[in-house]
C-alpha cells in the first residue's frame, strides 16, 4: 500500500486484507504457470494433467511461502536493528543537547560574574 506501518484495528485488518490479496495473486500465478507447463504435454490424460498441475501449484506455493517467511523474518530483524540504532542515536542527541545547555549555562554564569 503506502509503505507506512499501520496502527490499530483498522491497520491490522488492512494488513490482513493486503496479505490475503497477495497470497491469492500468488495462487493465481502458480495456477497459470502450471497450465502453461503442462500445455505442451499432449500425451497426458486429463487426470495426469490435473495431477501435474496440482503438484506444480503445491510446489510453487511451498516455495512462495518459504520466500515470504524469510522476507518477514528479515524485516523483523531489520526493524529490531533500526529501533536499537534509533534509541542509541536519540540518547546521543539528548546527551549532546544537555552538554550544550550546560556549557551555555556555564558561559552565561561566567559572563554574569564579570
PDB file of N, CA and C in Angstrom:
ATOM      1  N   UNK A   1       0.832  -1.176   0.000  1.00  0.00           N
ATOM      2  CA  UNK A   1       0.000   0.000   0.000  1.00  0.00           C
ATOM      3  C   UNK A   1       0.885   1.252   0.000  1.00  0.00           C
ATOM      4  N   UNK A   2       0.914   2.023   1.094  1.00  0.00           N
ATOM      5  CA  UNK A   2       1.690   3.248   1.079  1.00  0.00           C
ATOM      6  C   UNK A   2       3.019   3.120   1.799  1.00  0.00           C
ATOM      7  N   UNK A   3       3.373   1.953   2.302  1.00  0.00           N
ATOM      8  CA  UNK A   3       4.671   1.731   2.896  1.00  0.00           C
ATOM      9  C   UNK A   3       4.781   2.134   4.366  1.00  0.00           C
ATOM     10  N   UNK A   4       3.780   2.823   4.913  1.00  0.00           N
ATOM     11  CA  UNK A   4       3.807   3.228   6.310  1.00  0.00           C
ATOM     12  C   UNK A   4       3.199   2.128   7.165  1.00  0.00           C
ATOM     13  N   UNK A   5       3.769   1.916   8.376  1.00  0.00           N
ATOM     14  CA  UNK A   5       3.150   0.923   9.258  1.00  0.00           C
ATOM     15  C   UNK A   5       1.785   1.401   9.716  1.00  0.00           C
ATOM     16  N   UNK A   6       0.861   0.480   9.815  1.00  0.00           N
ATOM     17  CA  UNK A   6      -0.486   0.828  10.235  1.00  0.00           C
ATOM     18  C   UNK A   6      -0.621   0.613  11.730  1.00  0.00           C
ATOM     19  N   UNK A   7      -1.469   1.396  12.343  1.00  0.00           N
ATOM     20  CA  UNK A   7      -1.710   1.293  13.772  1.00  0.00           C
ATOM     21  C   UNK A   7      -3.171   0.951  14.012  1.00  0.00           C
ATOM     22  N   UNK A   8      -3.467   0.239  15.075  1.00  0.00           N
ATOM     23  CA  UNK A   8      -4.839  -0.023  15.483  1.00  0.00           C
ATOM     24  C   UNK A   8      -5.494  -1.148  14.712  1.00  0.00           C
ATOM     25  N   UNK A   9      -6.778  -1.338  15.017  1.00  0.00           N
ATOM     26  CA  UNK A   9      -7.548  -2.435  14.429  1.00  0.00           C
ATOM     27  C   UNK A   9      -7.702  -2.268  12.927  1.00  0.00           C
ATOM     28  N   UNK A  10      -7.943  -1.031  12.469  1.00  0.00           N
ATOM     29  CA  UNK A  10      -8.095  -0.812  11.035  1.00  0.00           C
ATOM     30  C   UNK A  10      -6.811  -1.171  10.291  1.00  0.00           C
ATOM     31  N   UNK A  11      -5.680  -0.849  10.868  1.00  0.00           N
ATOM     32  CA  UNK A  11      -4.401  -1.182  10.250  1.00  0.00           C
ATOM     33  C   UNK A  11      -4.164  -2.666  10.190  1.00  0.00           C
ATOM     34  N   UNK A  12      -4.525  -3.365  11.261  1.00  0.00           N
ATOM     35  CA  UNK A  12      -4.357  -4.823  11.286  1.00  0.00           C
ATOM     36  C   UNK A  12      -5.239  -5.465  10.230  1.00  0.00           C
ATOM     37  N   UNK A  13      -6.488  -4.979  10.131  1.00  0.00           N
ATOM     38  CA  UNK A  13      -7.401  -5.507   9.117  1.00  0.00           C
ATOM     39  C   UNK A  13      -6.855  -5.217   7.721  1.00  0.00           C
ATOM     40  N   UNK A  14      -6.347  -4.020   7.525  1.00  0.00           N
ATOM     41  CA  UNK A  14      -5.761  -3.665   6.234  1.00  0.00           C
ATOM     42  C   UNK A  14      -4.594  -4.556   5.873  1.00  0.00           C
ATOM     43  N   UNK A  15      -3.755  -4.852   6.871  1.00  0.00           N
ATOM     44  CA  UNK A  15      -2.617  -5.739   6.635  1.00  0.00           C
ATOM     45  C   UNK A  15      -3.086  -7.148   6.280  1.00  0.00           C
ATOM     46  N   UNK A  16      -4.126  -7.617   6.971  1.00  0.00           N
ATOM     47  CA  UNK A  16      -4.647  -8.949   6.680  1.00  0.00           C
ATOM     48  C   UNK A  16      -5.239  -9.016   5.279  1.00  0.00           C
ATOM     49  N   UNK A  17      -5.980  -7.994   4.893  1.00  0.00           N
ATOM     50  CA  UNK A  17      -6.577  -7.964   3.549  1.00  0.00           C
ATOM     51  C   UNK A  17      -5.476  -7.902   2.504  1.00  0.00           C
ATOM     52  N   UNK A  18      -4.478  -7.066   2.736  1.00  0.00           N
ATOM     53  CA  UNK A  18      -3.370  -6.960   1.796  1.00  0.00           C
ATOM     54  C   UNK A  18      -2.640  -8.289   1.665  1.00  0.00           C
ATOM     55  N   UNK A  19      -2.402  -8.970   2.798  1.00  0.00           N
ATOM     56  CA  UNK A  19      -1.749 -10.276   2.767  1.00  0.00           C
ATOM     57  C   UNK A  19      -2.584 -11.316   2.044  1.00  0.00           C
ATOM     58  N   UNK A  20      -3.891 -11.289   2.292  1.00  0.00           N
ATOM     59  CA  UNK A  20      -4.801 -12.228   1.628  1.00  0.00           C
ATOM     60  C   UNK A  20      -4.764 -12.013   0.112  1.00  0.00           C
ATOM     61  N   UNK A  21      -4.842 -10.768  -0.308  1.00  0.00           N
ATOM     62  CA  UNK A  21      -4.830 -10.471  -1.745  1.00  0.00           C
ATOM     63  C   UNK A  21      -3.496 -10.850  -2.381  1.00  0.00           C
ATOM     64  N   UNK A  22      -2.412 -10.620  -1.666  1.00  0.00           N
ATOM     65  CA  UNK A  22      -1.094 -11.012  -2.165  1.00  0.00           C
ATOM     66  C   UNK A  22      -1.031 -12.521  -2.348  1.00  0.00           C
ATOM     67  N   UNK A  23      -1.520 -13.269  -1.358  1.00  0.00           N
ATOM     68  CA  UNK A  23      -1.480 -14.732  -1.448  1.00  0.00           C
ATOM     69  C   UNK A  23      -2.385 -15.235  -2.570  1.00  0.00           C
ATOM     70  N   UNK A  24      -3.555 -14.631  -2.748  1.00  0.00           N
ATOM     71  CA  UNK A  24      -4.454 -15.034  -3.831  1.00  0.00           C
ATOM     72  C   UNK A  24      -3.804 -14.789  -5.191  1.00  0.00           C
ATOM     73  N   UNK A  25      -3.055 -13.697  -5.315  1.00  0.00           N
ATOM     74  CA  UNK A  25      -2.367 -13.446  -6.584  1.00  0.00           C
ATOM     75  C   UNK A  25      -1.264 -14.471  -6.806  1.00  0.00           C
ATOM     76  N   UNK A  26      -0.601 -14.910  -5.726  1.00  0.00           N
ATOM     77  CA  UNK A  26       0.416 -15.967  -5.844  1.00  0.00           C
ATOM     78  C   UNK A  26      -0.223 -17.268  -6.316  1.00  0.00           C
ATOM     79  N   UNK A  27      -1.395 -17.591  -5.767  1.00  0.00           N
ATOM     80  CA  UNK A  27      -2.100 -18.816  -6.165  1.00  0.00           C
ATOM     81  C   UNK A  27      -2.481 -18.741  -7.641  1.00  0.00           C
ATOM     82  N   UNK A  28      -3.051 -17.612  -8.051  1.00  0.00           N
ATOM     83  CA  UNK A  28      -3.465 -17.449  -9.452  1.00  0.00           C
ATOM     84  C   UNK A  28      -2.266 -17.560 -10.388  1.00  0.00           C
ATOM     85  N   UNK A  29      -1.156 -16.953 -10.007  1.00  0.00           N
ATOM     86  CA  UNK A  29       0.058 -17.016 -10.827  1.00  0.00           C
ATOM     87  C   UNK A  29       0.575 -18.451 -10.916  1.00  0.00           C
ATOM     88  N   UNK A  30       0.573 -19.176  -9.807  1.00  0.00           N
ATOM     89  CA  UNK A  30       1.039 -20.568  -9.807  1.00  0.00           C
ATOM     90  C   UNK A  30       0.139 -21.440 -10.675  1.00  0.00           C
ATOM     91  N   UNK A  31      -1.163 -21.214 -10.595  1.00  0.00           N
ATOM     92  CA  UNK A  31      -2.092 -21.998 -11.414  1.00  0.00           C
ATOM     93  C   UNK A  31      -1.902 -21.693 -12.897  1.00  0.00           C
ATOM     94  N   UNK A  32      -1.687 -20.428 -13.231  1.00  0.00           N
ATOM     95  CA  UNK A  32      -1.461 -20.048 -14.631  1.00  0.00           C
ATOM     96  C   UNK A  32      -0.180 -20.705 -15.150  1.00  0.00           C
ATOM     97  N   UNK A  33       0.874 -20.644 -14.354  1.00  0.00           N
ATOM     98  CA  UNK A  33       2.144 -21.242 -14.767  1.00  0.00           C
ATOM     99  C   UNK A  33       2.035 -22.763 -14.890  1.00  0.00           C
ATOM    100  N   UNK A  34       1.263 -23.365 -14.015  1.00  0.00           N
ATOM    101  CA  UNK A  34       1.072 -24.820 -14.082  1.00  0.00           C
ATOM    102  C   UNK A  34       0.374 -25.200 -15.379  1.00  0.00           C
ATOM    103  N   UNK A  35      -0.662 -24.448 -15.752  1.00  0.00           N
ATOM    104  CA  UNK A  35      -1.361 -24.732 -17.019  1.00  0.00           C
ATOM    105  C   UNK A  35      -0.413 -24.562 -18.208  1.00  0.00           C
ATOM    106  N   UNK A  36       0.411 -23.514 -18.169  1.00  0.00           N
ATOM    107  CA  UNK A  36       1.379 -23.306 -19.249  1.00  0.00           C
ATOM    108  C   UNK A  36       2.414 -24.426 -19.285  1.00  0.00           C
ATOM    109  N   UNK A  37       2.783 -24.935 -18.107  1.00  0.00           N
ATOM    110  CA  UNK A  37       3.776 -26.001 -18.023  1.00  0.00           C
ATOM    111  C   UNK A  37       3.283 -27.292 -18.663  1.00  0.00           C
ATOM    112  N   UNK A  38       2.029 -27.669 -18.400  1.00  0.00           N
ATOM    113  CA  UNK A  38       1.512 -28.939 -18.911  1.00  0.00           C
ATOM    114  C   UNK A  38       0.925 -28.826 -20.311  1.00  0.00           C
ATOM    115  N   UNK A  39       0.722 -27.619 -20.796  1.00  0.00           N
ATOM    116  CA  UNK A  39       0.090 -27.439 -22.107  1.00  0.00           C
ATOM    117  C   UNK A  39       0.803 -28.194 -23.235  1.00  0.00           C
ATOM    118  N   UNK A  40       2.130 -28.137 -23.332  1.00  0.00           N
ATOM    119  CA  UNK A  40       2.771 -28.873 -24.434  1.00  0.00           C
ATOM    120  C   UNK A  40       2.796 -30.391 -24.247  1.00  0.00           C
ATOM    121  N   UNK A  41       2.417 -30.873 -23.103  1.00  0.00           N
ATOM    122  CA  UNK A  41       2.443 -32.313 -22.819  1.00  0.00           C
ATOM    123  C   UNK A  41       1.111 -32.934 -23.241  1.00  0.00           C
ATOM    124  N   UNK A  42       0.931 -33.052 -24.542  1.00  0.00           N
ATOM    125  CA  UNK A  42      -0.335 -33.508 -25.110  1.00  0.00           C
ATOM    126  C   UNK A  42      -0.636 -34.973 -24.802  1.00  0.00           C
ATOM    127  N   UNK A  43       0.370 -35.744 -24.473  1.00  0.00           N
ATOM    128  CA  UNK A  43       0.186 -37.168 -24.225  1.00  0.00           C
ATOM    129  C   UNK A  43      -0.432 -37.473 -22.853  1.00  0.00           C
ATOM    130  N   UNK A  44      -0.491 -36.466 -21.978  1.00  0.00           N
ATOM    131  CA  UNK A  44      -1.059 -36.697 -20.647  1.00  0.00           C
ATOM    132  C   UNK A  44      -2.576 -36.846 -20.711  1.00  0.00           C
ATOM    133  N   UNK A  45      -3.080 -37.734 -19.888  1.00  0.00           N
ATOM    134  CA  UNK A  45      -4.534 -37.836 -19.761  1.00  0.00           C
ATOM    135  C   UNK A  45      -5.012 -36.646 -18.930  1.00  0.00           C
ATOM    136  N   UNK A  46      -6.305 -36.457 -18.894  1.00  0.00           N
ATOM    137  CA  UNK A  46      -6.860 -35.348 -18.107  1.00  0.00           C
ATOM    138  C   UNK A  46      -6.487 -35.489 -16.635  1.00  0.00           C
ATOM    139  N   UNK A  47      -6.590 -36.705 -16.109  1.00  0.00           N
ATOM    140  CA  UNK A  47      -6.253 -36.940 -14.703  1.00  0.00           C
ATOM    141  C   UNK A  47      -4.773 -36.671 -14.443  1.00  0.00           C
ATOM    142  N   UNK A  48      -3.912 -37.116 -15.371  1.00  0.00           N
ATOM    143  CA  UNK A  48      -2.480 -36.883 -15.217  1.00  0.00           C
ATOM    144  C   UNK A  48      -2.163 -35.389 -15.295  1.00  0.00           C
ATOM    145  N   UNK A  49      -2.802 -34.721 -16.215  1.00  0.00           N
ATOM    146  CA  UNK A  49      -2.603 -33.280 -16.386  1.00  0.00           C
ATOM    147  C   UNK A  49      -2.998 -32.546 -15.096  1.00  0.00           C
ATOM    148  N   UNK A  50      -4.141 -32.900 -14.535  1.00  0.00           N
ATOM    149  CA  UNK A  50      -4.604 -32.269 -13.291  1.00  0.00           C
ATOM    150  C   UNK A  50      -3.652 -32.566 -12.135  1.00  0.00           C
ATOM    151  N   UNK A  51      -3.127 -33.797 -12.109  1.00  0.00           N
ATOM    152  CA  UNK A  51      -2.192 -34.167 -11.050  1.00  0.00           C
ATOM    153  C   UNK A  51      -0.895 -33.366 -11.158  1.00  0.00           C
ATOM    154  N   UNK A  52      -0.366 -33.254 -12.376  1.00  0.00           N
ATOM    155  CA  UNK A  52       0.861 -32.480 -12.580  1.00  0.00           C
ATOM    156  C   UNK A  52       0.613 -31.012 -12.219  1.00  0.00           C
ATOM    157  N   UNK A  53      -0.506 -30.456 -12.637  1.00  0.00           N
ATOM    158  CA  UNK A  53      -0.834 -29.069 -12.306  1.00  0.00           C
ATOM    159  C   UNK A  53      -0.927 -28.889 -10.790  1.00  0.00           C
ATOM    160  N   UNK A  54      -1.618 -29.820 -10.122  1.00  0.00           N
ATOM    161  CA  UNK A  54      -1.784 -29.720  -8.669  1.00  0.00           C
ATOM    162  C   UNK A  54      -0.427 -29.768  -7.966  1.00  0.00           C
ATOM    163  N   UNK A  55       0.442 -30.681  -8.403  1.00  0.00           N
ATOM    164  CA  UNK A  55       1.773 -30.792  -7.793  1.00  0.00           C
ATOM    165  C   UNK A  55       2.617 -29.549  -8.085  1.00  0.00           C
ATOM    166  N   UNK A  56       2.499 -29.025  -9.290  1.00  0.00           N
ATOM    167  CA  UNK A  56       3.240 -27.819  -9.665  1.00  0.00           C
ATOM    168  C   UNK A  56       2.803 -26.646  -8.782  1.00  0.00           C
ATOM    169  N   UNK A  57       1.492 -26.479  -8.633  1.00  0.00           N
ATOM    170  CA  UNK A  57       0.957 -25.394  -7.805  1.00  0.00           C
ATOM    171  C   UNK A  57       1.397 -25.565  -6.353  1.00  0.00           C
ATOM    172  N   UNK A  58       1.307 -26.781  -5.834  1.00  0.00           N
ATOM    173  CA  UNK A  58       1.700 -27.033  -4.439  1.00  0.00           C
ATOM    174  C   UNK A  58       3.174 -26.694  -4.228  1.00  0.00           C
ATOM    175  N   UNK A  59       4.025 -27.086  -5.180  1.00  0.00           N
ATOM    176  CA  UNK A  59       5.453 -26.789  -5.059  1.00  0.00           C
ATOM    177  C   UNK A  59       5.699 -25.286  -5.140  1.00  0.00           C
ATOM    178  N   UNK A  60       5.050 -24.619  -6.074  1.00  0.00           N
ATOM    179  CA  UNK A  60       5.233 -23.176  -6.233  1.00  0.00           C
ATOM    180  C   UNK A  60       4.779 -22.430  -4.979  1.00  0.00           C
ATOM    181  N   UNK A  61       3.659 -22.846  -4.400  1.00  0.00           N
ATOM    182  CA  UNK A  61       3.157 -22.173  -3.198  1.00  0.00           C
ATOM    183  C   UNK A  61       4.035 -22.475  -1.983  1.00  0.00           C
ATOM    184  N   UNK A  62       4.592 -23.662  -1.912  1.00  0.00           N
ATOM    185  CA  UNK A  62       5.508 -24.006  -0.829  1.00  0.00           C
ATOM    186  C   UNK A  62       6.755 -23.111  -0.893  1.00  0.00           C
ATOM    187  N   UNK A  63       7.273 -22.926  -2.115  1.00  0.00           N
ATOM    188  CA  UNK A  63       8.437 -22.056  -2.283  1.00  0.00           C
ATOM    189  C   UNK A  63       8.090 -20.596  -1.998  1.00  0.00           C
ATOM    190  N   UNK A  64       6.910 -20.153  -2.437  1.00  0.00           N
ATOM    191  CA  UNK A  64       6.479 -18.772  -2.186  1.00  0.00           C
ATOM    192  C   UNK A  64       6.325 -18.526  -0.691  1.00  0.00           C
ATOM    193  N   UNK A  65       5.751 -19.500   0.009  1.00  0.00           N
ATOM    194  CA  UNK A  65       5.578 -19.362   1.465  1.00  0.00           C
ATOM    195  C   UNK A  65       6.934 -19.257   2.150  1.00  0.00           C
ATOM    196  N   UNK A  66       7.862 -20.093   1.723  1.00  0.00           N
ATOM    197  CA  UNK A  66       9.210 -20.057   2.288  1.00  0.00           C
ATOM    198  C   UNK A  66       9.860 -18.695   2.036  1.00  0.00           C
ATOM    199  N   UNK A  67       9.722 -18.183   0.825  1.00  0.00           N
ATOM    200  CA  UNK A  67      10.272 -16.865   0.497  1.00  0.00           C
ATOM    201  C   UNK A  67       9.654 -15.779   1.365  1.00  0.00           C
ATOM    202  N   UNK A  68       8.335 -15.805   1.511  1.00  0.00           N
ATOM    203  CA  UNK A  68       7.646 -14.791   2.307  1.00  0.00           C
ATOM    204  C   UNK A  68       8.035 -14.887   3.783  1.00  0.00           C
ATOM    205  N   UNK A  69       8.187 -16.092   4.298  1.00  0.00           N
ATOM    206  CA  UNK A  69       8.607 -16.251   5.691  1.00  0.00           C
ATOM    207  C   UNK A  69      10.017 -15.722   5.894  1.00  0.00           C
ATOM    208  N   UNK A  70      10.903 -15.985   4.936  1.00  0.00           N
ATOM    209  CA  UNK A  70      12.277 -15.486   5.019  1.00  0.00           C
ATOM    210  C   UNK A  70      12.295 -13.954   4.973  1.00  0.00           C
ATOM    211  N   UNK A  71      11.475 -13.375   4.087  1.00  0.00           N
ATOM    212  CA  UNK A  71      11.399 -11.923   3.976  1.00  0.00           C
ATOM    213  C   UNK A  71      10.835 -11.316   5.260  1.00  0.00           C
ATOM    214  N   UNK A  72       9.794 -11.926   5.811  1.00  0.00           N
ATOM    215  CA  UNK A  72       9.194 -11.430   7.051  1.00  0.00           C
ATOM    216  C   UNK A  72      10.201 -11.485   8.202  1.00  0.00           C
ATOM    217  N   UNK A  73      10.969 -12.566   8.280  1.00  0.00           N
ATOM    218  CA  UNK A  73      11.979 -12.684   9.335  1.00  0.00           C
ATOM    219  C   UNK A  73      13.046 -11.604   9.165  1.00  0.00           C
ATOM    220  N   UNK A  74      13.442 -11.354   7.936  1.00  0.00           N
ATOM    221  CA  UNK A  74      14.453 -10.315   7.688  1.00  0.00           C
ATOM    222  C   UNK A  74      13.901  -8.939   8.028  1.00  0.00           C
ATOM    223  N   UNK A  75      12.635  -8.685   7.710  1.00  0.00           N
ATOM    224  CA  UNK A  75      12.013  -7.406   8.052  1.00  0.00           C
ATOM    225  C   UNK A  75      11.989  -7.202   9.562  1.00  0.00           C
ATOM    226  N   UNK A  76      11.634  -8.238  10.290  1.00  0.00           N
ATOM    227  CA  UNK A  76      11.610  -8.143  11.747  1.00  0.00           C
ATOM    228  C   UNK A  76      13.006  -7.891  12.288  1.00  0.00           C
ATOM    229  N   UNK A  77      13.989  -8.561  11.719  1.00  0.00           N
ATOM    230  CA  UNK A  77      15.375  -8.369  12.140  1.00  0.00           C
ATOM    231  C   UNK A  77      15.831  -6.929  11.879  1.00  0.00           C
ATOM    232  N   UNK A  78      15.531  -6.420  10.700  1.00  0.00           N
ATOM    233  CA  UNK A  78      15.902  -5.045  10.376  1.00  0.00           C
ATOM    234  C   UNK A  78      15.190  -4.050  11.273  1.00  0.00           C
ATOM    235  N   UNK A  79      13.923  -4.299  11.555  1.00  0.00           N
ATOM    236  CA  UNK A  79      13.169  -3.395  12.430  1.00  0.00           C
ATOM    237  C   UNK A  79      13.828  -3.318  13.809  1.00  0.00           C
ATOM    238  N   UNK A  80      14.181  -4.481  14.359  1.00  0.00           N
ATOM    239  CA  UNK A  80      14.841  -4.511  15.662  1.00  0.00           C
ATOM    240  C   UNK A  80      16.166  -3.759  15.608  1.00  0.00           C
ATOM    241  N   UNK A  81      16.931  -3.997  14.562  1.00  0.00           N
ATOM    242  CA  UNK A  81      18.229  -3.334  14.421  1.00  0.00           C
ATOM    243  C   UNK A  81      18.059  -1.819  14.311  1.00  0.00           C
ATOM    244  N   UNK A  82      17.117  -1.365  13.492  1.00  0.00           N
ATOM    245  CA  UNK A  82      16.913   0.069  13.326  1.00  0.00           C
ATOM    246  C   UNK A  82      16.338   0.717  14.575  1.00  0.00           C
ATOM    247  N   UNK A  83      15.479   0.010  15.297  1.00  0.00           N
ATOM    248  CA  UNK A  83      14.970   0.556  16.554  1.00  0.00           C
ATOM    249  C   UNK A  83      16.102   0.728  17.550  1.00  0.00           C
ATOM    250  N   UNK A  84      17.003  -0.245  17.606  1.00  0.00           N
ATOM    251  CA  UNK A  84      18.158  -0.156  18.502  1.00  0.00           C
ATOM    252  C   UNK A  84      19.025   1.051  18.121  1.00  0.00           C
ATOM    253  N   UNK A  85      19.291   1.195  16.839  1.00  0.00           N
ATOM    254  CA  UNK A  85      20.103   2.333  16.382  1.00  0.00           C
ATOM    255  C   UNK A  85      19.418   3.666  16.663  1.00  0.00           C
ATOM    256  N   UNK A  86      18.106   3.710  16.463  1.00  0.00           N
ATOM    257  CA  UNK A  86      17.354   4.930  16.718  1.00  0.00           C
ATOM    258  C   UNK A  86      17.438   5.314  18.189  1.00  0.00           C
ATOM    259  N   UNK A  87      17.267   4.359  19.096  1.00  0.00           N
ATOM    260  CA  UNK A  87      17.333   4.649  20.530  1.00  0.00           C
ATOM    261  C   UNK A  87      18.736   5.116  20.928  1.00  0.00           C
ATOM    262  N   UNK A  88      19.751   4.500  20.353  1.00  0.00           N
ATOM    263  CA  UNK A  88      21.119   4.907  20.645  1.00  0.00           C
ATOM    264  C   UNK A  88      21.371   6.322  20.132  1.00  0.00           C
ATOM    265  N   UNK A  89      20.911   6.620  18.928  1.00  0.00           N
ATOM    266  CA  UNK A  89      21.072   7.966  18.376  1.00  0.00           C
ATOM    267  C   UNK A  89      20.313   8.989  19.204  1.00  0.00           C
ATOM    268  N   UNK A  90      19.111   8.638  19.650  1.00  0.00           N
ATOM    269  CA  UNK A  90      18.318   9.552  20.469  1.00  0.00           C
ATOM    270  C   UNK A  90      19.025   9.845  21.793  1.00  0.00           C
ATOM    271  N   UNK A  91      19.625   8.815  22.396  1.00  0.00           N
ATOM    272  CA  UNK A  91      20.387   9.042  23.637  1.00  0.00           C
ATOM    273  C   UNK A  91      21.570   9.961  23.385  1.00  0.00           C
ATOM    274  N   UNK A  92      22.269   9.748  22.284  1.00  0.00           N
ATOM    275  CA  UNK A  92      23.416  10.609  21.960  1.00  0.00           C
ATOM    276  C   UNK A  92      22.983  12.058  21.742  1.00  0.00           C
ATOM    277  N   UNK A  93      21.892  12.240  21.012  1.00  0.00           N
ATOM    278  CA  UNK A  93      21.397  13.604  20.756  1.00  0.00           C
ATOM    279  C   UNK A  93      20.956  14.278  22.051  1.00  0.00           C
ATOM    280  N   UNK A  94      20.307  13.525  22.912  1.00  0.00           N
ATOM    281  CA  UNK A  94      19.884  14.077  24.202  1.00  0.00           C
ATOM    282  C   UNK A  94      21.103  14.459  25.037  1.00  0.00           C
ATOM    283  N   UNK A  95      22.106  13.591  25.070  1.00  0.00           N
ATOM    284  CA  UNK A  95      23.327  13.882  25.827  1.00  0.00           C
ATOM    285  C   UNK A  95      24.035  15.106  25.259  1.00  0.00           C
ATOM    286  N   UNK A  96      24.107  15.214  23.945  1.00  0.00           N
ATOM    287  CA  UNK A  96      24.752  16.368  23.322  1.00  0.00           C
ATOM    288  C   UNK A  96      23.984  17.646  23.637  1.00  0.00           C
ATOM    289  N   UNK A  97      22.662  17.582  23.561  1.00  0.00           N
ATOM    290  CA  UNK A  97      21.838  18.755  23.861  1.00  0.00           C
ATOM    291  C   UNK A  97      22.042  19.201  25.313  1.00  0.00           C
ATOM    292  N   UNK A  98      22.051  18.230  26.230  1.00  0.00           N
ATOM    293  CA  UNK A  98      22.284  18.561  27.638  1.00  0.00           C
ATOM    294  C   UNK A  98      23.675  19.150  27.839  1.00  0.00           C
ATOM    295  N   UNK A  99      24.680  18.614  27.154  1.00  0.00           N
ATOM    296  CA  UNK A  99      26.046  19.140  27.274  1.00  0.00           C
ATOM    297  C   UNK A  99      26.123  20.569  26.743  1.00  0.00           C
ATOM    298  N   UNK A 100      25.476  20.823  25.620  1.00  0.00           N
ATOM    299  CA  UNK A 100      25.473  22.183  25.062  1.00  0.00           C
ATOM    300  C   UNK A 100      24.752  23.138  25.996  1.00  0.00           C
ATOM    301  N   UNK A 101      23.620  22.718  26.553  1.00  0.00           N
ATOM    302  CA  UNK A 101      22.876  23.562  27.502  1.00  0.00           C
ATOM    303  C   UNK A 101      23.722  23.841  28.747  1.00  0.00           C
ATOM    304  N   UNK A 102      24.413  22.825  29.236  1.00  0.00           N
ATOM    305  CA  UNK A 102      25.271  23.018  30.407  1.00  0.00           C
ATOM    306  C   UNK A 102      26.402  23.974  30.092  1.00  0.00           C
ATOM    307  N   UNK A 103      26.985  23.828  28.911  1.00  0.00           N
ATOM    308  CA  UNK A 103      28.075  24.732  28.521  1.00  0.00           C
ATOM    309  C   UNK A 103      27.557  26.161  28.385  1.00  0.00           C
ATOM    310  N   UNK A 104      26.407  26.336  27.784  1.00  0.00           N
ATOM    311  CA  UNK A 104      25.825  27.675  27.644  1.00  0.00           C
ATOM    312  C   UNK A 104      25.519  28.277  29.010  1.00  0.00           C
ATOM    313  N   UNK A 105      25.018  27.470  29.918  1.00  0.00           N
ATOM    314  CA  UNK A 105      24.727  27.939  31.271  1.00  0.00           C
ATOM    315  C   UNK A 105      26.010  28.351  31.977  1.00  0.00           C
ATOM    316  N   UNK A 106      27.056  27.549  31.816  1.00  0.00           N
ATOM    317  CA  UNK A 106      28.343  27.875  32.444  1.00  0.00           C
ATOM    318  C   UNK A 106      28.910  29.161  31.875  1.00  0.00           C
ATOM    319  N   UNK A 107      28.838  29.348  30.562  1.00  0.00           N
ATOM    320  CA  UNK A 107      29.339  30.564  29.928  1.00  0.00           C
ATOM    321  C   UNK A 107      28.527  31.770  30.391  1.00  0.00           C
ATOM    322  N   UNK A 108      27.217  31.609  30.442  1.00  0.00           N
ATOM    323  CA  UNK A 108      26.349  32.716  30.881  1.00  0.00           C
ATOM    324  C   UNK A 108      26.658  33.077  32.342  1.00  0.00           C
ATOM    325  N   UNK A 109      26.890  32.072  33.171  1.00  0.00           N
ATOM    326  CA  UNK A 109      27.204  32.315  34.572  1.00  0.00           C
ATOM    327  C   UNK A 109      28.538  33.052  34.692  1.00  0.00           C
ATOM    328  N   UNK A 110      29.526  32.634  33.930  1.00  0.00           N
ATOM    329  CA  UNK A 110      30.828  33.297  33.949  1.00  0.00           C
ATOM    330  C   UNK A 110      30.733  34.738  33.454  1.00  0.00           C
ATOM    331  N   UNK A 111      29.947  34.962  32.432  1.00  0.00           N
ATOM    332  CA  UNK A 111      29.790  36.322  31.907  1.00  0.00           C
ATOM    333  C   UNK A 111      29.056  37.221  32.903  1.00  0.00           C
ATOM    334  N   UNK A 112      28.109  36.669  33.661  1.00  0.00           N
ATOM    335  CA  UNK A 112      27.407  37.462  34.658  1.00  0.00           C
ATOM    336  C   UNK A 112      28.310  37.789  35.846  1.00  0.00           C
ATOM    337  N   UNK A 113      29.280  36.931  36.119  1.00  0.00           N
ATOM    338  CA  UNK A 113      30.186  37.161  37.232  1.00  0.00           C
ATOM    339  C   UNK A 113      31.179  38.248  36.891  1.00  0.00           C
ATOM    340  N   UNK A 114      31.432  38.482  35.613  1.00  0.00           N
ATOM    341  CA  UNK A 114      32.423  39.508  35.238  1.00  0.00           C
ATOM    342  C   UNK A 114      31.851  40.837  35.353  1.00  0.00           C
TER     343      UNK A 114
END
